[in-house]
Amino acid sequence: MLVVEMLIYMGEYEEALKRKCLRDQEIWDARQPLYKTVIQVLLGHDKDAEEYWNEFQKIRNRFQLPDCFHDVLDHSVARDFDEFKETVNFLKKEIEDARKKPK
């Protein structure tokens, strides 16, 4: 999963999507659909992204957190797909800007 995240930050979205960990049925945590959502948004595939977002939300909702954490998390996690997509598109701009800078 770390390689997937690194490839995303490098702007190698298609390469990140090819990683085995995103297809592995043995891995079953929220990162898999979350990273798939991010990649699909970055590639402009909103329909696929929203499907993965819904899968991510189902897994995330299985975790029961104490009430004291809900206020904290509400400010740090996107509440809906459109808000999440906006955040990912901001990330995309940052990645593109970083890739344009001379080394």
PDB file of N, CA and C in Angstrom:
ATOM      1  N   MET A   1       0.815  -1.187   0.000  1.00  0.00           N
ATOM      2  CA  MET A   1       0.000   0.000   0.000  1.00  0.00           C
ATOM      3  C   MET A   1       0.868   1.264   0.000  1.00  0.00           C
ATOM      4  N   LEU A   2       2.020   1.183   0.645  1.00  0.00           N
ATOM      5  CA  LEU A   2       2.921   2.331   0.664  1.00  0.00           C
ATOM      6  C   LEU A   2       3.390   2.674  -0.750  1.00  0.00           C
ATOM      7  N   VAL A   3       3.658   1.667  -1.554  1.00  0.00           N
ATOM      8  CA  VAL A   3       4.082   1.902  -2.938  1.00  0.00           C
ATOM      9  C   VAL A   3       2.969   2.591  -3.713  1.00  0.00           C
ATOM     10  N   VAL A   4       1.735   2.166  -3.502  1.00  0.00           N
ATOM     11  CA  VAL A   4       0.593   2.808  -4.166  1.00  0.00           C
ATOM     12  C   VAL A   4       0.546   4.285  -3.798  1.00  0.00           C
ATOM     13  N   GLU A   5       0.678   4.575  -2.525  1.00  0.00           N
ATOM     14  CA  GLU A   5       0.638   5.966  -2.077  1.00  0.00           C
ATOM     15  C   GLU A   5       1.782   6.772  -2.691  1.00  0.00           C
ATOM     16  N   MET A   6       2.966   6.201  -2.727  1.00  0.00           N
ATOM     17  CA  MET A   6       4.114   6.893  -3.320  1.00  0.00           C
ATOM     18  C   MET A   6       3.887   7.153  -4.808  1.00  0.00           C
ATOM     19  N   LEU A   7       3.363   6.171  -5.519  1.00  0.00           N
ATOM     20  CA  LEU A   7       3.094   6.347  -6.947  1.00  0.00           C
ATOM     21  C   LEU A   7       2.053   7.440  -7.187  1.00  0.00           C
ATOM     22  N   ILE A   8       1.067   7.525  -6.322  1.00  0.00           N
ATOM     23  CA  ILE A   8       0.081   8.597  -6.431  1.00  0.00           C
ATOM     24  C   ILE A   8       0.769   9.946  -6.314  1.00  0.00           C
ATOM     25  N   TYR A   9       1.601  10.107  -5.286  1.00  0.00           N
ATOM     26  CA  TYR A   9       2.285  11.386  -5.079  1.00  0.00           C
ATOM     27  C   TYR A   9       3.267  11.704  -6.209  1.00  0.00           C
ATOM     28  N   MET A  10       3.754  10.683  -6.872  1.00  0.00           N
ATOM     29  CA  MET A  10       4.658  10.892  -8.009  1.00  0.00           C
ATOM     30  C   MET A  10       3.903  11.206  -9.297  1.00  0.00           C
ATOM     31  N   GLY A  11       2.576  11.090  -9.261  1.00  0.00           N
ATOM     32  CA  GLY A  11       1.774  11.350 -10.446  1.00  0.00           C
ATOM     33  C   GLY A  11       1.659  10.151 -11.363  1.00  0.00           C
ATOM     34  N   GLU A  12       2.027   8.983 -10.890  1.00  0.00           N
ATOM     35  CA  GLU A  12       1.996   7.747 -11.673  1.00  0.00           C
ATOM     36  C   GLU A  12       0.711   6.983 -11.339  1.00  0.00           C
ATOM     37  N   TYR A  13      -0.410   7.564 -11.720  1.00  0.00           N
ATOM     38  CA  TYR A  13      -1.716   7.033 -11.321  1.00  0.00           C
ATOM     39  C   TYR A  13      -2.021   5.665 -11.931  1.00  0.00           C
ATOM     40  N   GLU A  14      -1.762   5.521 -13.211  1.00  0.00           N
ATOM     41  CA  GLU A  14      -2.026   4.230 -13.884  1.00  0.00           C
ATOM     42  C   GLU A  14      -1.144   3.131 -13.286  1.00  0.00           C
ATOM     43  N   GLU A  15       0.099   3.474 -13.006  1.00  0.00           N
ATOM     44  CA  GLU A  15       1.020   2.495 -12.413  1.00  0.00           C
ATOM     45  C   GLU A  15       0.551   2.101 -11.014  1.00  0.00           C
ATOM     46  N   ALA A  16       0.064   3.057 -10.258  1.00  0.00           N
ATOM     47  CA  ALA A  16      -0.453   2.770  -8.913  1.00  0.00           C
ATOM     48  C   ALA A  16      -1.637   1.812  -8.989  1.00  0.00           C
ATOM     49  N   LEU A  17      -2.492   2.020  -9.970  1.00  0.00           N
ATOM     50  CA  LEU A  17      -3.679   1.196 -10.127  1.00  0.00           C
ATOM     51  C   LEU A  17      -3.342  -0.259 -10.470  1.00  0.00           C
ATOM     52  N   LYS A  18      -2.173  -0.500 -11.026  1.00  0.00           N
ATOM     53  CA  LYS A  18      -1.756  -1.849 -11.424  1.00  0.00           C
ATOM     54  C   LYS A  18      -1.243  -2.688 -10.249  1.00  0.00           C
ATOM     55  N   ARG A  19      -0.999  -2.073  -9.117  1.00  0.00           N
ATOM     56  CA  ARG A  19      -0.415  -2.791  -7.981  1.00  0.00           C
ATOM     57  C   ARG A  19      -1.331  -3.902  -7.496  1.00  0.00           C
ATOM     58  N   LYS A  20      -0.724  -5.032  -7.206  1.00  0.00           N
ATOM     59  CA  LYS A  20      -1.452  -6.229  -6.781  1.00  0.00           C
ATOM     60  C   LYS A  20      -2.270  -5.997  -5.513  1.00  0.00           C
ATOM     61  N   CYS A  21      -1.776  -5.206  -4.610  1.00  0.00           N
ATOM     62  CA  CYS A  21      -2.471  -5.004  -3.337  1.00  0.00           C
ATOM     63  C   CYS A  21      -3.852  -4.379  -3.522  1.00  0.00           C
ATOM     64  N   LEU A  22      -4.082  -3.704  -4.639  1.00  0.00           N
ATOM     65  CA  LEU A  22      -5.398  -3.115  -4.885  1.00  0.00           C
ATOM     66  C   LEU A  22      -6.382  -4.122  -5.474  1.00  0.00           C
ATOM     67  N   ARG A  23      -5.876  -5.292  -5.865  1.00  0.00           N
ATOM     68  CA  ARG A  23      -6.737  -6.351  -6.401  1.00  0.00           C
ATOM     69  C   ARG A  23      -6.813  -7.557  -5.475  1.00  0.00           C
ATOM     70  N   ASP A  24      -5.926  -7.621  -4.516  1.00  0.00           N
ATOM     71  CA  ASP A  24      -5.801  -8.773  -3.630  1.00  0.00           C
ATOM     72  C   ASP A  24      -7.043  -8.932  -2.757  1.00  0.00           C
ATOM     73  N   GLN A  25      -7.709 -10.055  -2.868  1.00  0.00           N
ATOM     74  CA  GLN A  25      -8.911 -10.330  -2.088  1.00  0.00           C
ATOM     75  C   GLN A  25      -8.592 -10.648  -0.633  1.00  0.00           C
ATOM     76  N   GLU A  26      -7.343 -10.968  -0.347  1.00  0.00           N
ATOM     77  CA  GLU A  26      -6.936 -11.277   1.028  1.00  0.00           C
ATOM     78  C   GLU A  26      -6.834 -10.011   1.873  1.00  0.00           C
ATOM     79  N   ILE A  27      -6.590  -8.884   1.226  1.00  0.00           N
ATOM     80  CA  ILE A  27      -6.503  -7.614   1.944  1.00  0.00           C
ATOM     81  C   ILE A  27      -7.907  -7.040   2.016  1.00  0.00           C
ATOM     82  N   TRP A  28      -8.363  -6.794   3.210  1.00  0.00           N
ATOM     83  CA  TRP A  28      -9.711  -6.269   3.342  1.00  0.00           C
ATOM     84  C   TRP A  28      -9.728  -5.204   4.423  1.00  0.00           C
ATOM     85  N   ASP A  29      -9.248  -4.041   4.036  1.00  0.00           N
ATOM     86  CA  ASP A  29      -9.379  -2.895   4.921  1.00  0.00           C
ATOM     87  C   ASP A  29      -9.767  -1.692   4.072  1.00  0.00           C
ATOM     88  N   ALA A  30      -9.989  -0.581   4.699  1.00  0.00           N
ATOM     89  CA  ALA A  30     -10.531   0.589   4.004  1.00  0.00           C
ATOM     90  C   ALA A  30      -9.551   1.246   3.042  1.00  0.00           C
ATOM     91  N   ARG A  31      -8.258   0.958   3.180  1.00  0.00           N
ATOM     92  CA  ARG A  31      -7.289   1.602   2.286  1.00  0.00           C
ATOM     93  C   ARG A  31      -7.474   1.195   0.833  1.00  0.00           C
ATOM     94  N   GLN A  32      -7.819  -0.051   0.595  1.00  0.00           N
ATOM     95  CA  GLN A  32      -7.952  -0.533  -0.780  1.00  0.00           C
ATOM     96  C   GLN A  32      -8.992   0.276  -1.565  1.00  0.00           C
ATOM     97  N   PRO A  33     -10.239   0.369  -1.127  1.00  0.00           N
ATOM     98  CA  PRO A  33     -11.187   1.190  -1.882  1.00  0.00           C
ATOM     99  C   PRO A  33     -10.887   2.688  -1.796  1.00  0.00           C
ATOM    100  N   LEU A  34     -10.265   3.136  -0.713  1.00  0.00           N
ATOM    101  CA  LEU A  34      -9.917   4.548  -0.593  1.00  0.00           C
ATOM    102  C   LEU A  34      -8.893   4.929  -1.658  1.00  0.00           C
ATOM    103  N   TYR A  35      -7.830   4.158  -1.787  1.00  0.00           N
ATOM    104  CA  TYR A  35      -6.807   4.460  -2.795  1.00  0.00           C
ATOM    105  C   TYR A  35      -7.364   4.311  -4.203  1.00  0.00           C
ATOM    106  N   LYS A  36      -8.248   3.342  -4.408  1.00  0.00           N
ATOM    107  CA  LYS A  36      -8.886   3.200  -5.719  1.00  0.00           C
ATOM    108  C   LYS A  36      -9.742   4.429  -6.024  1.00  0.00           C
ATOM    109  N   THR A  37     -10.428   4.946  -5.021  1.00  0.00           N
ATOM    110  CA  THR A  37     -11.223   6.156  -5.202  1.00  0.00           C
ATOM    111  C   THR A  37     -10.328   7.321  -5.607  1.00  0.00           C
ATOM    112  N   VAL A  38      -9.250   7.508  -4.880  1.00  0.00           N
ATOM    113  CA  VAL A  38      -8.319   8.600  -5.158  1.00  0.00           C
ATOM    114  C   VAL A  38      -7.801   8.496  -6.592  1.00  0.00           C
ATOM    115  N   ILE A  39      -7.340   7.325  -6.978  1.00  0.00           N
ATOM    116  CA  ILE A  39      -6.778   7.135  -8.312  1.00  0.00           C
ATOM    117  C   ILE A  39      -7.824   7.406  -9.388  1.00  0.00           C
ATOM    118  N   GLN A  40      -9.022   6.901  -9.197  1.00  0.00           N
ATOM    119  CA  GLN A  40     -10.065   7.109 -10.204  1.00  0.00           C
ATOM    120  C   GLN A  40     -10.432   8.595 -10.325  1.00  0.00           C
ATOM    121  N   VAL A  41     -10.467   9.314  -9.225  1.00  0.00           N
ATOM    122  CA  VAL A  41     -10.715  10.761  -9.292  1.00  0.00           C
ATOM    123  C   VAL A  41      -9.580  11.435 -10.045  1.00  0.00           C
ATOM    124  N   LEU A  42      -8.347  11.072  -9.729  1.00  0.00           N
ATOM    125  CA  LEU A  42      -7.193  11.675 -10.389  1.00  0.00           C
ATOM    126  C   LEU A  42      -7.201  11.419 -11.893  1.00  0.00           C
ATOM    127  N   LEU A  43      -7.735  10.268 -12.288  1.00  0.00           N
ATOM    128  CA  LEU A  43      -7.808   9.921 -13.707  1.00  0.00           C
ATOM    129  C   LEU A  43      -9.053  10.500 -14.379  1.00  0.00           C
ATOM    130  N   GLY A  44      -9.941  11.095 -13.587  1.00  0.00           N
ATOM    131  CA  GLY A  44     -11.154  11.683 -14.141  1.00  0.00           C
ATOM    132  C   GLY A  44     -12.277  10.694 -14.373  1.00  0.00           C
ATOM    133  N   HIS A  45     -12.213   9.537 -13.717  1.00  0.00           N
ATOM    134  CA  HIS A  45     -13.233   8.500 -13.848  1.00  0.00           C
ATOM    135  C   HIS A  45     -14.191   8.594 -12.659  1.00  0.00           C
ATOM    136  N   ASP A  46     -15.047   9.592 -12.692  1.00  0.00           N
ATOM    137  CA  ASP A  46     -15.904   9.879 -11.533  1.00  0.00           C
ATOM    138  C   ASP A  46     -16.873   8.755 -11.192  1.00  0.00           C
ATOM    139  N   LYS A  47     -17.419   8.093 -12.194  1.00  0.00           N
ATOM    140  CA  LYS A  47     -18.386   7.018 -11.919  1.00  0.00           C
ATOM    141  C   LYS A  47     -17.717   5.875 -11.153  1.00  0.00           C
ATOM    142  N   ASP A  48     -16.550   5.432 -11.632  1.00  0.00           N
ATOM    143  CA  ASP A  48     -15.812   4.376 -10.932  1.00  0.00           C
ATOM    144  C   ASP A  48     -15.390   4.850  -9.544  1.00  0.00           C
ATOM    145  N   ALA A  49     -14.941   6.106  -9.467  1.00  0.00           N
ATOM    146  CA  ALA A  49     -14.501   6.658  -8.191  1.00  0.00           C
ATOM    147  C   ALA A  49     -15.629   6.634  -7.167  1.00  0.00           C
ATOM    148  N   GLU A  50     -16.832   7.002  -7.601  1.00  0.00           N
ATOM    149  CA  GLU A  50     -17.949   7.035  -6.660  1.00  0.00           C
ATOM    150  C   GLU A  50     -18.327   5.636  -6.184  1.00  0.00           C
ATOM    151  N   GLU A  51     -18.197   4.639  -7.050  1.00  0.00           N
ATOM    152  CA  GLU A  51     -18.457   3.256  -6.632  1.00  0.00           C
ATOM    153  C   GLU A  51     -17.459   2.820  -5.558  1.00  0.00           C
ATOM    154  N   TYR A  52     -16.185   3.129  -5.767  1.00  0.00           N
ATOM    155  CA  TYR A  52     -15.167   2.777  -4.765  1.00  0.00           C
ATOM    156  C   TYR A  52     -15.379   3.580  -3.484  1.00  0.00           C
ATOM    157  N   TRP A  53     -15.816   4.834  -3.626  1.00  0.00           N
ATOM    158  CA  TRP A  53     -16.108   5.669  -2.459  1.00  0.00           C
ATOM    159  C   TRP A  53     -17.201   5.018  -1.604  1.00  0.00           C
ATOM    160  N   ASN A  54     -18.246   4.520  -2.250  1.00  0.00           N
ATOM    161  CA  ASN A  54     -19.330   3.858  -1.522  1.00  0.00           C
ATOM    162  C   ASN A  54     -18.835   2.600  -0.821  1.00  0.00           C
ATOM    163  N   GLU A  55     -17.956   1.857  -1.471  1.00  0.00           N
ATOM    164  CA  GLU A  55     -17.357   0.668  -0.854  1.00  0.00           C
ATOM    165  C   GLU A  55     -16.520   1.079   0.363  1.00  0.00           C
ATOM    166  N   PHE A  56     -15.739   2.139   0.210  1.00  0.00           N
ATOM    167  CA  PHE A  56     -14.928   2.662   1.310  1.00  0.00           C
ATOM    168  C   PHE A  56     -15.819   3.048   2.487  1.00  0.00           C
ATOM    169  N   GLN A  57     -16.927   3.732   2.213  1.00  0.00           N
ATOM    170  CA  GLN A  57     -17.839   4.156   3.273  1.00  0.00           C
ATOM    171  C   GLN A  57     -18.457   2.970   3.997  1.00  0.00           C
ATOM    172  N   LYS A  58     -18.784   1.905   3.260  1.00  0.00           N
ATOM    173  CA  LYS A  58     -19.347   0.707   3.903  1.00  0.00           C
ATOM    174  C   LYS A  58     -18.353   0.112   4.892  1.00  0.00           C
ATOM    175  N   ILE A  59     -17.100   0.002   4.483  1.00  0.00           N
ATOM    176  CA  ILE A  59     -16.072  -0.551   5.374  1.00  0.00           C
ATOM    177  C   ILE A  59     -15.862   0.382   6.562  1.00  0.00           C
ATOM    178  N   ARG A  60     -15.763   1.669   6.289  1.00  0.00           N
ATOM    179  CA  ARG A  60     -15.531   2.658   7.335  1.00  0.00           C
ATOM    180  C   ARG A  60     -16.662   2.654   8.360  1.00  0.00           C
ATOM    181  N   ASN A  61     -17.881   2.480   7.899  1.00  0.00           N
ATOM    182  CA  ASN A  61     -19.027   2.491   8.814  1.00  0.00           C
ATOM    183  C   ASN A  61     -19.094   1.256   9.712  1.00  0.00           C
ATOM    184  N   ARG A  62     -18.343   0.234   9.366  1.00  0.00           N
ATOM    185  CA  ARG A  62     -18.316  -0.967  10.221  1.00  0.00           C
ATOM    186  C   ARG A  62     -17.600  -0.711  11.534  1.00  0.00           C
ATOM    187  N   PHE A  63     -16.708   0.272  11.531  1.00  0.00           N
ATOM    188  CA  PHE A  63     -15.964   0.594  12.738  1.00  0.00           C
ATOM    189  C   PHE A  63     -16.824   1.459  13.642  1.00  0.00           C
ATOM    190  N   GLN A  64     -17.006   1.029  14.856  1.00  0.00           N
ATOM    191  CA  GLN A  64     -17.791   1.777  15.828  1.00  0.00           C
ATOM    192  C   GLN A  64     -16.829   2.561  16.706  1.00  0.00           C
ATOM    193  N   LEU A  65     -16.846   3.879  16.556  1.00  0.00           N
ATOM    194  CA  LEU A  65     -15.968   4.730  17.360  1.00  0.00           C
ATOM    195  C   LEU A  65     -16.733   5.319  18.539  1.00  0.00           C
ATOM    196  N   PRO A  66     -16.053   5.546  19.647  1.00  0.00           N
ATOM    197  CA  PRO A  66     -16.710   6.219  20.771  1.00  0.00           C
ATOM    198  C   PRO A  66     -17.185   7.608  20.343  1.00  0.00           C
ATOM    199  N   ASP A  67     -18.268   8.081  20.919  1.00  0.00           N
ATOM    200  CA  ASP A  67     -18.847   9.367  20.556  1.00  0.00           C
ATOM    201  C   ASP A  67     -17.849  10.517  20.653  1.00  0.00           C
ATOM    202  N   CYS A  68     -16.919  10.452  21.568  1.00  0.00           N
ATOM    203  CA  CYS A  68     -15.977  11.556  21.754  1.00  0.00           C
ATOM    204  C   CYS A  68     -15.096  11.777  20.516  1.00  0.00           C
ATOM    205  N   PHE A  69     -14.969  10.793  19.632  1.00  0.00           N
ATOM    206  CA  PHE A  69     -14.134  10.933  18.435  1.00  0.00           C
ATOM    207  C   PHE A  69     -14.888  11.501  17.243  1.00  0.00           C
ATOM    208  N   HIS A  70     -16.185  11.462  17.248  1.00  0.00           N
ATOM    209  CA  HIS A  70     -16.951  11.862  16.071  1.00  0.00           C
ATOM    210  C   HIS A  70     -16.746  13.332  15.700  1.00  0.00           C
ATOM    211  N   ASP A  71     -16.691  14.233  16.672  1.00  0.00           N
ATOM    212  CA  ASP A  71     -16.481  15.646  16.363  1.00  0.00           C
ATOM    213  C   ASP A  71     -15.112  15.874  15.749  1.00  0.00           C
ATOM    214  N   VAL A  72     -14.106  15.200  16.248  1.00  0.00           N
ATOM    215  CA  VAL A  72     -12.749  15.345  15.717  1.00  0.00           C
ATOM    216  C   VAL A  72     -12.693  14.839  14.281  1.00  0.00           C
ATOM    217  N   LEU A  73     -13.257  13.682  14.034  1.00  0.00           N
ATOM    218  CA  LEU A  73     -13.188  13.084  12.702  1.00  0.00           C
ATOM    219  C   LEU A  73     -14.030  13.842  11.683  1.00  0.00           C
ATOM    220  N   ASP A  74     -15.118  14.434  12.103  1.00  0.00           N
ATOM    221  CA  ASP A  74     -15.955  15.180  11.165  1.00  0.00           C
ATOM    222  C   ASP A  74     -15.198  16.320  10.508  1.00  0.00           C
ATOM    223  N   HIS A  75     -14.203  16.855  11.165  1.00  0.00           N
ATOM    224  CA  HIS A  75     -13.440  17.962  10.603  1.00  0.00           C
ATOM    225  C   HIS A  75     -12.271  17.492   9.747  1.00  0.00           C
ATOM    226  N   SER A  76     -11.898  16.244   9.837  1.00  0.00           N
ATOM    227  CA  SER A  76     -10.712  15.785   9.125  1.00  0.00           C
ATOM    228  C   SER A  76     -11.026  14.830   7.984  1.00  0.00           C
ATOM    229  N   VAL A  77     -12.244  14.343   7.885  1.00  0.00           N
ATOM    230  CA  VAL A  77     -12.607  13.370   6.857  1.00  0.00           C
ATOM    231  C   VAL A  77     -13.745  13.957   6.026  1.00  0.00           C
ATOM    232  N   ALA A  78     -13.623  13.822   4.707  1.00  0.00           N
ATOM    233  CA  ALA A  78     -14.679  14.317   3.838  1.00  0.00           C
ATOM    234  C   ALA A  78     -15.999  13.643   4.176  1.00  0.00           C
ATOM    235  N   ARG A  79     -17.049  14.416   4.197  1.00  0.00           N
ATOM    236  CA  ARG A  79     -18.359  13.882   4.566  1.00  0.00           C
ATOM    237  C   ARG A  79     -19.080  13.223   3.400  1.00  0.00           C
ATOM    238  N   ASP A  80     -18.790  13.680   2.176  1.00  0.00           N
ATOM    239  CA  ASP A  80     -19.453  13.094   1.017  1.00  0.00           C
ATOM    240  C   ASP A  80     -18.484  13.022  -0.161  1.00  0.00           C
ATOM    241  N   PHE A  81     -18.932  12.348  -1.198  1.00  0.00           N
ATOM    242  CA  PHE A  81     -18.063  12.109  -2.341  1.00  0.00           C
ATOM    243  C   PHE A  81     -17.625  13.403  -3.013  1.00  0.00           C
ATOM    244  N   ASP A  82     -18.529  14.351  -3.184  1.00  0.00           N
ATOM    245  CA  ASP A  82     -18.169  15.599  -3.857  1.00  0.00           C
ATOM    246  C   ASP A  82     -17.105  16.376  -3.093  1.00  0.00           C
ATOM    247  N   GLU A  83     -17.222  16.407  -1.784  1.00  0.00           N
ATOM    248  CA  GLU A  83     -16.213  17.074  -0.949  1.00  0.00           C
ATOM    249  C   GLU A  83     -14.868  16.350  -1.067  1.00  0.00           C
ATOM    250  N   PHE A  84     -14.920  15.024  -1.043  1.00  0.00           N
ATOM    251  CA  PHE A  84     -13.699  14.235  -1.176  1.00  0.00           C
ATOM    252  C   PHE A  84     -13.057  14.477  -2.539  1.00  0.00           C
ATOM    253  N   LYS A  85     -13.863  14.482  -3.585  1.00  0.00           N
ATOM    254  CA  LYS A  85     -13.372  14.702  -4.944  1.00  0.00           C
ATOM    255  C   LYS A  85     -12.683  16.067  -5.063  1.00  0.00           C
ATOM    256  N   GLU A  86     -13.264  17.070  -4.446  1.00  0.00           N
ATOM    257  CA  GLU A  86     -12.671  18.408  -4.451  1.00  0.00           C
ATOM    258  C   GLU A  86     -11.290  18.392  -3.789  1.00  0.00           C
ATOM    259  N   THR A  87     -11.177  17.687  -2.690  1.00  0.00           N
ATOM    260  CA  THR A  87      -9.903  17.575  -1.980  1.00  0.00           C
ATOM    261  C   THR A  87      -8.868  16.851  -2.833  1.00  0.00           C
ATOM    262  N   VAL A  88      -9.278  15.759  -3.478  1.00  0.00           N
ATOM    263  CA  VAL A  88      -8.358  14.999  -4.327  1.00  0.00           C
ATOM    264  C   VAL A  88      -7.927  15.837  -5.531  1.00  0.00           C
ATOM    265  N   ASN A  89      -8.822  16.614  -6.097  1.00  0.00           N
ATOM    266  CA  ASN A  89      -8.448  17.466  -7.224  1.00  0.00           C
ATOM    267  C   ASN A  89      -7.471  18.554  -6.807  1.00  0.00           C
ATOM    268  N   PHE A  90      -7.587  19.025  -5.572  1.00  0.00           N
ATOM    269  CA  PHE A  90      -6.591  19.956  -5.041  1.00  0.00           C
ATOM    270  C   PHE A  90      -5.232  19.263  -4.937  1.00  0.00           C
ATOM    271  N   LEU A  91      -5.244  18.014  -4.454  1.00  0.00           N
ATOM    272  CA  LEU A  91      -4.017  17.220  -4.384  1.00  0.00           C
ATOM    273  C   LEU A  91      -3.412  17.054  -5.781  1.00  0.00           C
ATOM    274  N   LYS A  92      -4.254  16.775  -6.766  1.00  0.00           N
ATOM    275  CA  LYS A  92      -3.778  16.614  -8.144  1.00  0.00           C
ATOM    276  C   LYS A  92      -3.065  17.872  -8.628  1.00  0.00           C
ATOM    277  N   LYS A  93      -3.635  19.028  -8.352  1.00  0.00           N
ATOM    278  CA  LYS A  93      -2.999  20.284  -8.749  1.00  0.00           C
ATOM    279  C   LYS A  93      -1.644  20.431  -8.074  1.00  0.00           C
ATOM    280  N   GLU A  94      -1.578  20.100  -6.806  1.00  0.00           N
ATOM    281  CA  GLU A  94      -0.310  20.181  -6.075  1.00  0.00           C
ATOM    282  C   GLU A  94       0.739  19.232  -6.675  1.00  0.00           C
ATOM    283  N   ILE A  95       0.308  18.026  -7.026  1.00  0.00           N
ATOM    284  CA  ILE A  95       1.225  17.053  -7.638  1.00  0.00           C
ATOM    285  C   ILE A  95       1.717  17.577  -8.975  1.00  0.00           C
ATOM    286  N   GLU A  96       0.809  18.079  -9.794  1.00  0.00           N
ATOM    287  CA  GLU A  96       1.188  18.607 -11.105  1.00  0.00           C
ATOM    288  C   GLU A  96       2.131  19.793 -10.973  1.00  0.00           C
ATOM    289  N   ASP A  97       1.856  20.697 -10.041  1.00  0.00           N
ATOM    290  CA  ASP A  97       2.732  21.847  -9.820  1.00  0.00           C
ATOM    291  C   ASP A  97       4.122  21.409  -9.375  1.00  0.00           C
ATOM    292  N   ALA A  98       4.182  20.421  -8.497  1.00  0.00           N
ATOM    293  CA  ALA A  98       5.471  19.915  -8.016  1.00  0.00           C
ATOM    294  C   ALA A  98       6.275  19.261  -9.136  1.00  0.00           C
ATOM    295  N   ARG A  99       5.593  18.598 -10.044  1.00  0.00           N
ATOM    296  CA  ARG A  99       6.288  17.940 -11.157  1.00  0.00           C
ATOM    297  C   ARG A  99       6.828  18.939 -12.166  1.00  0.00           C
ATOM    298  N   LYS A 100       6.263  20.147 -12.216  1.00  0.00           N
ATOM    299  CA  LYS A 100       6.700  21.181 -13.155  1.00  0.00           C
ATOM    300  C   LYS A 100       7.951  21.919 -12.673  1.00  0.00           C
ATOM    301  N   LYS A 101       8.173  21.905 -11.361  1.00  0.00           N
ATOM    302  CA  LYS A 101       9.309  22.627 -10.799  1.00  0.00           C
ATOM    303  C   LYS A 101      10.617  21.994 -11.254  1.00  0.00           C
ATOM    304  N   PRO A 102      11.595  22.833 -11.629  1.00  0.00           N
ATOM    305  CA  PRO A 102      12.905  22.290 -12.023  1.00  0.00           C
ATOM    306  C   PRO A 102      13.609  21.653 -10.822  1.00  0.00           C
ATOM    307  N   LYS A 103      14.340  20.614 -11.107  1.00  0.00           N
ATOM    308  CA  LYS A 103      15.043  19.895 -10.037  1.00  0.00           C
ATOM    309  C   LYS A 103      16.437  20.415  -9.844  1.00  0.00           C
TER     310      LYS A 103
END
